[in-house]
Amino acid sequence: MVTAIILMNVQRQKINQIAEELADMEQITEVFSVSGQYDLIAIARVPRNDDLAEVVTRRLLTIDGLEKTNTLLAFKAYSRHDLEAMFSV
């Protein structure tokens, strides 16, 4: 499984619209509106690098109002939340 964190700058008036559009994408598991240098952060989880390339270089390009992205690949997860979910009954 390939996990990527996608940092996005979007047109201010379209933040909610774009967040909802991203959340509807199968490959995007979470979308956060944030303060600071970026407007939205999306977490993409896909089986292969080629699938991530499809999302970032094709699907995101079709979103009107998305101005800039910065994609980070995750190597390893250290989330207590994920570990607790795996072992909870």
N, C-alpha and C. Protein backbone atom coordinates (compact mmCIF):
# COMPACT_ATOMS: atom_id res chain seq x y z
N MET A 1 0.85 -1.18 0.00
CA MET A 1 0.00 0.00 0.00
C MET A 1 0.89 1.24 0.00
N VAL A 2 0.61 2.16 -0.89
CA VAL A 2 1.34 3.43 -0.98
C VAL A 2 0.47 4.51 -0.34
N THR A 3 1.06 5.24 0.59
CA THR A 3 0.36 6.34 1.25
C THR A 3 1.07 7.63 0.90
N ALA A 4 0.28 8.63 0.52
CA ALA A 4 0.83 9.95 0.20
C ALA A 4 0.04 11.02 0.91
N ILE A 5 0.74 12.06 1.31
CA ILE A 5 0.12 13.25 1.90
C ILE A 5 0.22 14.33 0.84
N ILE A 6 -0.93 14.86 0.44
CA ILE A 6 -0.96 15.85 -0.63
C ILE A 6 -1.35 17.20 -0.03
N LEU A 7 -0.41 18.14 -0.05
CA LEU A 7 -0.63 19.49 0.46
C LEU A 7 -1.12 20.36 -0.69
N MET A 8 -2.18 21.12 -0.48
CA MET A 8 -2.80 21.86 -1.58
C MET A 8 -3.08 23.32 -1.27
N ASN A 9 -2.81 24.15 -2.25
CA ASN A 9 -3.27 25.53 -2.25
C ASN A 9 -4.42 25.60 -3.23
N VAL A 10 -5.53 26.16 -2.78
CA VAL A 10 -6.72 26.25 -3.62
C VAL A 10 -7.29 27.67 -3.55
N GLN A 11 -8.14 27.99 -4.50
CA GLN A 11 -8.82 29.29 -4.46
C GLN A 11 -9.70 29.32 -3.22
N ARG A 12 -9.58 30.38 -2.45
CA ARG A 12 -10.27 30.48 -1.14
C ARG A 12 -11.77 30.19 -1.22
N GLN A 13 -12.42 30.72 -2.22
CA GLN A 13 -13.87 30.56 -2.32
C GLN A 13 -14.27 29.14 -2.70
N LYS A 14 -13.30 28.29 -3.05
CA LYS A 14 -13.61 26.93 -3.48
C LYS A 14 -13.11 25.86 -2.50
N ILE A 15 -12.67 26.26 -1.32
CA ILE A 15 -12.10 25.30 -0.37
C ILE A 15 -13.10 24.18 -0.07
N ASN A 16 -14.31 24.51 0.32
CA ASN A 16 -15.29 23.50 0.69
C ASN A 16 -15.67 22.61 -0.50
N GLN A 17 -15.86 23.22 -1.65
CA GLN A 17 -16.24 22.48 -2.86
C GLN A 17 -15.14 21.48 -3.23
N ILE A 18 -13.90 21.93 -3.22
CA ILE A 18 -12.79 21.05 -3.58
C ILE A 18 -12.59 19.96 -2.53
N ALA A 19 -12.74 20.29 -1.27
CA ALA A 19 -12.62 19.28 -0.21
C ALA A 19 -13.64 18.18 -0.40
N GLU A 20 -14.86 18.53 -0.72
CA GLU A 20 -15.91 17.53 -0.95
C GLU A 20 -15.62 16.69 -2.19
N GLU A 21 -15.13 17.33 -3.23
CA GLU A 21 -14.78 16.60 -4.45
C GLU A 21 -13.66 15.60 -4.18
N LEU A 22 -12.67 16.01 -3.42
CA LEU A 22 -11.58 15.10 -3.06
C LEU A 22 -12.08 13.95 -2.20
N ALA A 23 -12.93 14.25 -1.24
CA ALA A 23 -13.45 13.22 -0.34
C ALA A 23 -14.25 12.16 -1.09
N ASP A 24 -14.81 12.52 -2.22
CA ASP A 24 -15.57 11.57 -3.03
C ASP A 24 -14.69 10.66 -3.87
N MET A 25 -13.41 10.96 -3.96
CA MET A 25 -12.49 10.12 -4.74
C MET A 25 -12.14 8.87 -3.95
N GLU A 26 -12.21 7.73 -4.59
CA GLU A 26 -11.95 6.45 -3.93
C GLU A 26 -10.54 6.38 -3.33
N GLN A 27 -9.58 6.97 -3.99
CA GLN A 27 -8.18 6.88 -3.56
C GLN A 27 -7.84 7.81 -2.40
N ILE A 28 -8.69 8.78 -2.14
CA ILE A 28 -8.46 9.75 -1.06
C ILE A 28 -9.23 9.27 0.17
N THR A 29 -8.50 9.02 1.26
CA THR A 29 -9.15 8.49 2.46
C THR A 29 -9.53 9.56 3.47
N GLU A 30 -8.81 10.67 3.48
CA GLU A 30 -9.12 11.78 4.38
C GLU A 30 -8.79 13.10 3.70
N VAL A 31 -9.56 14.13 4.05
CA VAL A 31 -9.28 15.49 3.59
C VAL A 31 -9.42 16.40 4.80
N PHE A 32 -8.44 17.27 4.99
CA PHE A 32 -8.46 18.20 6.11
C PHE A 32 -8.34 19.63 5.59
N SER A 33 -9.17 20.53 6.10
CA SER A 33 -8.92 21.95 5.87
C SER A 33 -8.02 22.40 7.01
N VAL A 34 -7.00 23.16 6.68
CA VAL A 34 -5.97 23.49 7.67
C VAL A 34 -5.62 24.97 7.61
N SER A 35 -4.97 25.43 8.66
CA SER A 35 -4.45 26.79 8.66
C SER A 35 -2.98 26.74 8.28
N GLY A 36 -2.44 27.87 7.90
CA GLY A 36 -1.02 27.93 7.57
C GLY A 36 -0.77 28.09 6.10
N GLN A 37 0.34 27.53 5.64
CA GLN A 37 0.80 27.71 4.27
C GLN A 37 -0.11 27.04 3.25
N TYR A 38 -0.82 25.98 3.64
CA TYR A 38 -1.69 25.24 2.73
C TYR A 38 -3.14 25.39 3.16
N ASP A 39 -4.04 25.13 2.23
CA ASP A 39 -5.47 25.24 2.50
C ASP A 39 -6.10 23.89 2.82
N LEU A 40 -5.68 22.85 2.09
CA LEU A 40 -6.21 21.50 2.27
C LEU A 40 -5.06 20.50 2.30
N ILE A 41 -5.27 19.43 3.06
CA ILE A 41 -4.37 18.30 3.05
C ILE A 41 -5.21 17.06 2.80
N ALA A 42 -4.78 16.25 1.82
CA ALA A 42 -5.48 15.00 1.52
C ALA A 42 -4.53 13.84 1.74
N ILE A 43 -5.08 12.74 2.24
CA ILE A 43 -4.32 11.51 2.39
C ILE A 43 -4.80 10.55 1.31
N ALA A 44 -3.86 10.11 0.48
CA ALA A 44 -4.18 9.15 -0.58
C ALA A 44 -3.58 7.82 -0.21
N ARG A 45 -4.37 6.76 -0.36
CA ARG A 45 -3.87 5.40 -0.12
C ARG A 45 -4.24 4.57 -1.34
N VAL A 46 -3.21 4.06 -2.00
CA VAL A 46 -3.40 3.31 -3.25
C VAL A 46 -2.50 2.07 -3.24
N PRO A 47 -2.84 1.07 -4.05
CA PRO A 47 -2.04 -0.15 -4.06
C PRO A 47 -0.63 0.02 -4.64
N ARG A 48 -0.48 0.87 -5.66
CA ARG A 48 0.80 0.95 -6.37
C ARG A 48 1.18 2.39 -6.67
N ASN A 49 2.45 2.62 -6.92
CA ASN A 49 2.92 3.96 -7.30
C ASN A 49 2.24 4.46 -8.56
N ASP A 50 1.99 3.57 -9.52
CA ASP A 50 1.31 3.97 -10.74
C ASP A 50 -0.08 4.53 -10.46
N ASP A 51 -0.75 3.97 -9.45
CA ASP A 51 -2.08 4.47 -9.07
C ASP A 51 -1.98 5.87 -8.47
N LEU A 52 -0.92 6.10 -7.71
CA LEU A 52 -0.71 7.44 -7.15
C LEU A 52 -0.42 8.44 -8.26
N ALA A 53 0.37 8.04 -9.22
CA ALA A 53 0.67 8.91 -10.36
C ALA A 53 -0.62 9.28 -11.10
N GLU A 54 -1.53 8.34 -11.23
CA GLU A 54 -2.81 8.60 -11.88
C GLU A 54 -3.60 9.66 -11.11
N VAL A 55 -3.63 9.53 -9.79
CA VAL A 55 -4.37 10.50 -8.97
C VAL A 55 -3.75 11.89 -9.08
N VAL A 56 -2.44 11.97 -8.88
CA VAL A 56 -1.78 13.28 -8.79
C VAL A 56 -1.62 13.95 -10.15
N THR A 57 -1.25 13.20 -11.17
CA THR A 57 -0.96 13.84 -12.46
C THR A 57 -2.14 13.89 -13.41
N ARG A 58 -3.20 13.18 -13.09
CA ARG A 58 -4.39 13.23 -13.98
C ARG A 58 -5.64 13.69 -13.26
N ARG A 59 -6.02 13.00 -12.19
CA ARG A 59 -7.30 13.31 -11.52
C ARG A 59 -7.28 14.71 -10.89
N LEU A 60 -6.20 15.05 -10.20
CA LEU A 60 -6.16 16.36 -9.54
C LEU A 60 -6.13 17.50 -10.54
N LEU A 61 -5.58 17.26 -11.72
CA LEU A 61 -5.51 18.31 -12.74
C LEU A 61 -6.89 18.73 -13.23
N THR A 62 -7.89 17.89 -13.05
CA THR A 62 -9.24 18.20 -13.52
C THR A 62 -10.04 19.04 -12.53
N ILE A 63 -9.49 19.27 -11.34
CA ILE A 63 -10.22 20.01 -10.31
C ILE A 63 -10.02 21.50 -10.49
N ASP A 64 -11.10 22.18 -10.83
CA ASP A 64 -11.07 23.62 -11.05
C ASP A 64 -10.87 24.34 -9.70
N GLY A 65 -9.90 25.21 -9.63
CA GLY A 65 -9.63 25.97 -8.42
C GLY A 65 -8.46 25.44 -7.62
N LEU A 66 -7.96 24.27 -7.99
CA LEU A 66 -6.78 23.72 -7.34
C LEU A 66 -5.56 24.37 -7.99
N GLU A 67 -4.81 25.14 -7.21
CA GLU A 67 -3.74 25.96 -7.77
C GLU A 67 -2.36 25.31 -7.70
N LYS A 68 -2.07 24.60 -6.60
CA LYS A 68 -0.73 24.04 -6.44
C LYS A 68 -0.80 22.87 -5.47
N THR A 69 0.02 21.84 -5.75
CA THR A 69 0.10 20.71 -4.83
C THR A 69 1.56 20.42 -4.49
N ASN A 70 1.74 19.78 -3.36
CA ASN A 70 3.04 19.27 -2.95
C ASN A 70 2.78 17.89 -2.36
N THR A 71 3.28 16.86 -3.02
CA THR A 71 2.97 15.49 -2.62
C THR A 71 4.15 14.87 -1.88
N LEU A 72 3.85 14.32 -0.70
CA LEU A 72 4.85 13.67 0.13
C LEU A 72 4.52 12.18 0.21
N LEU A 73 5.50 11.32 -0.02
CA LEU A 73 5.31 9.88 0.12
C LEU A 73 5.63 9.47 1.55
N ALA A 74 4.77 8.66 2.13
CA ALA A 74 5.00 8.16 3.48
C ALA A 74 5.76 6.84 3.39
N PHE A 75 6.81 6.71 4.19
CA PHE A 75 7.59 5.47 4.22
C PHE A 75 7.05 4.48 5.25
N LYS A 76 6.71 5.00 6.44
CA LYS A 76 6.28 4.14 7.53
C LYS A 76 5.32 4.92 8.42
N ALA A 77 4.30 4.24 8.93
CA ALA A 77 3.32 4.88 9.81
C ALA A 77 3.65 4.55 11.27
N TYR A 78 3.58 5.57 12.11
CA TYR A 78 3.82 5.39 13.53
C TYR A 78 2.58 5.81 14.34
N SER A 79 1.43 5.74 13.74
CA SER A 79 0.20 6.23 14.36
C SER A 79 -0.34 5.28 15.41
N ARG A 80 -0.49 5.76 16.61
CA ARG A 80 -1.12 4.97 17.66
C ARG A 80 -2.57 4.67 17.29
N HIS A 81 -3.22 5.62 16.64
CA HIS A 81 -4.61 5.44 16.20
C HIS A 81 -4.73 4.23 15.29
N ASP A 82 -3.85 4.09 14.31
CA ASP A 82 -3.89 2.96 13.38
C ASP A 82 -3.61 1.64 14.10
N LEU A 83 -2.65 1.64 15.02
CA LEU A 83 -2.34 0.41 15.75
C LEU A 83 -3.48 -0.03 16.63
N GLU A 84 -4.12 0.91 17.32
CA GLU A 84 -5.26 0.55 18.17
C GLU A 84 -6.42 0.01 17.34
N ALA A 85 -6.66 0.58 16.16
CA ALA A 85 -7.74 0.10 15.30
C ALA A 85 -7.48 -1.32 14.82
N MET A 86 -6.22 -1.65 14.53
CA MET A 86 -5.88 -2.99 14.04
C MET A 86 -6.11 -4.06 15.10
N PHE A 87 -5.86 -3.74 16.36
CA PHE A 87 -5.91 -4.74 17.40
C PHE A 87 -7.17 -4.67 18.26
N SER A 88 -8.09 -3.75 17.97
CA SER A 88 -9.31 -3.69 18.76
C SER A 88 -10.29 -4.77 18.31
N VAL A 89 -11.05 -5.26 19.25
CA VAL A 89 -12.01 -6.34 18.94
C VAL A 89 -13.39 -5.78 18.77
